[in-house]
Protein backbone atom coordinates (compact mmCIF):
# COMPACT_ATOMS: atom_id res chain seq x y z
CA MET A 1 -27.42 -7.21 -18.03
CA GLY A 2 -27.55 -3.61 -17.03
CA LYS A 3 -27.22 -0.53 -19.11
CA THR A 4 -23.60 0.22 -18.24
CA LEU A 5 -21.80 2.84 -20.31
CA ILE A 6 -18.09 2.19 -20.68
CA LYS A 7 -15.86 4.90 -22.05
CA GLU A 8 -12.32 4.36 -23.17
CA THR A 9 -10.11 7.02 -24.67
CA ILE A 10 -7.37 6.38 -27.15
CA HIS A 11 -4.83 8.95 -28.22
CA VAL A 12 -3.87 9.17 -31.91
CA LYS A 13 -1.44 11.81 -33.16
CA GLY A 14 -2.38 14.31 -30.45
CA VAL A 15 -6.14 13.69 -30.77
CA ASP A 16 -8.24 12.10 -28.02
CA ILE A 17 -10.86 9.68 -29.39
CA GLY A 18 -13.64 8.52 -27.06
CA ILE A 19 -14.90 4.98 -27.59
CA TYR A 20 -18.23 4.11 -26.01
CA THR A 21 -19.62 0.64 -25.52
CA THR A 22 -22.53 -0.76 -23.53
CA ASP A 23 -23.78 -4.17 -22.55
CA PHE A 24 -27.28 -3.09 -23.53
CA GLU A 25 -27.41 -3.92 -27.26
CA VAL A 26 -28.11 -7.67 -27.14
CA GLU A 27 -30.76 -7.14 -24.45
CA PHE A 28 -32.48 -4.46 -26.49
CA LEU A 29 -32.45 -6.54 -29.71
CA GLY A 30 -33.94 -9.49 -27.79
CA LEU A 31 -36.71 -7.33 -26.31
CA TRP A 32 -37.52 -5.91 -29.75
CA GLU A 33 -37.76 -9.44 -31.18
CA MET A 34 -40.01 -10.64 -28.37
CA LEU A 35 -42.43 -7.75 -29.07
CA HIS A 36 -42.43 -7.99 -32.89
CA ASN A 37 -41.56 -11.59 -33.81
CA SER A 38 -43.82 -14.43 -32.67
CA ASP A 39 -41.28 -16.99 -34.00
CA PHE A 40 -38.43 -15.70 -31.87
CA LYS A 41 -36.91 -18.44 -29.73
CA ARG A 42 -36.98 -16.94 -26.24
CA ILE A 43 -35.41 -19.87 -24.42
CA GLU A 44 -32.42 -19.94 -26.74
CA PHE A 45 -32.15 -16.17 -26.32
CA ASP A 46 -31.45 -16.57 -22.59
CA THR A 47 -28.38 -18.67 -23.40
CA PHE A 48 -27.35 -16.22 -26.13
CA LYS A 49 -27.70 -13.30 -23.69
CA LYS A 50 -25.63 -15.07 -21.04
CA ASP A 51 -22.82 -15.76 -23.54
CA ALA A 52 -22.85 -12.12 -24.64
CA GLY A 53 -21.67 -11.09 -21.21
CA THR A 54 -18.34 -12.85 -21.61
CA ASN A 55 -15.12 -11.26 -22.85
CA ALA A 56 -14.68 -13.88 -25.59
CA TYR A 57 -18.12 -13.16 -27.14
CA VAL A 58 -18.35 -12.04 -30.75
CA PHE A 59 -21.77 -11.05 -32.08
CA SER A 60 -22.68 -12.83 -35.35
CA ILE A 61 -25.73 -11.70 -37.26
CA LYS A 62 -25.88 -15.02 -39.06
CA LYS A 63 -25.88 -16.93 -35.77
CA TRP A 64 -28.42 -14.50 -34.31
CA ASN A 65 -30.83 -15.05 -37.18
CA GLU A 66 -30.37 -18.81 -37.60
CA GLU A 67 -30.38 -19.88 -33.93
CA LEU A 68 -33.05 -17.49 -32.64
CA GLY A 69 -35.26 -16.96 -35.69
CA ALA A 70 -34.59 -13.22 -35.48
CA ILE A 71 -35.83 -10.78 -38.11
CA ASP A 72 -34.44 -7.44 -36.92
CA LEU A 73 -31.01 -7.59 -38.54
CA ILE A 74 -30.33 -8.64 -42.14
CA THR A 75 -27.14 -9.02 -44.06
CA LYS A 76 -27.00 -8.82 -47.83
CA SER A 77 -24.06 -9.42 -50.07
CA GLY A 78 -23.41 -7.63 -53.25
CA ARG A 79 -21.35 -4.86 -54.77
CA TYR A 80 -23.96 -2.11 -54.72
CA HIS A 81 -26.62 -3.12 -52.24
CA GLY A 82 -24.63 -5.25 -49.82
CA GLY A 83 -24.38 -4.44 -46.16
CA ILE A 84 -26.08 -4.83 -42.81
CA TYR A 85 -29.67 -3.62 -42.50
CA GLU A 86 -31.76 -3.26 -39.34
CA HIS A 87 -35.35 -2.38 -38.63
CA MET A 88 -36.02 1.36 -38.43
CA ASP A 89 -37.01 1.16 -34.73
CA ILE A 90 -33.63 -0.25 -33.86
CA ALA A 91 -31.68 2.18 -36.01
CA LEU A 92 -33.45 5.15 -34.43
CA GLU A 93 -32.85 3.83 -30.88
CA PHE A 94 -29.16 3.36 -31.40
CA GLU A 95 -28.76 6.70 -33.16
CA GLN A 96 -30.61 8.47 -30.36
CA ARG A 97 -28.27 6.90 -27.77
CA ASN A 98 -25.18 7.77 -29.80
CA PHE A 99 -26.36 11.41 -29.95
CA GLN A 100 -27.07 11.40 -26.22
CA VAL A 101 -23.59 10.07 -25.43
CA LYS A 102 -21.99 12.72 -27.65
CA LEU A 103 -23.95 15.46 -25.84
CA GLN A 104 -22.94 14.12 -22.44
CA ASP A 105 -19.32 14.03 -23.48
CA THR A 106 -19.38 17.51 -24.99
CA TYR A 107 -21.18 19.25 -22.16
CA GLY A 108 -20.17 17.03 -19.23
CA CYS A 109 -23.76 16.17 -18.33
CA ASP A 110 -25.01 12.91 -16.84
């Protein structure tokens, strides 16, 4: 899996909205787990990574945690404290890349 940036634009009521996706996320999460989690199932991750490249793939945090022994993403249910939580390293990486993509789009840089 390479780090391919895919941009699609949708038009809603006269406003152009850019949608960015990459095939980098699963690979990054797996690398983080390998570095920080000694119980991470690397062999199963290879199958998981291969499946992630298909069009029919849907990422499931529950499946990620149960099948691979991952610790980076956590889901909690509840009215006030429910949601999806991730390790700070991962949150910062994704936010940095989102900011970079926005700058590239705004200023036309590569």
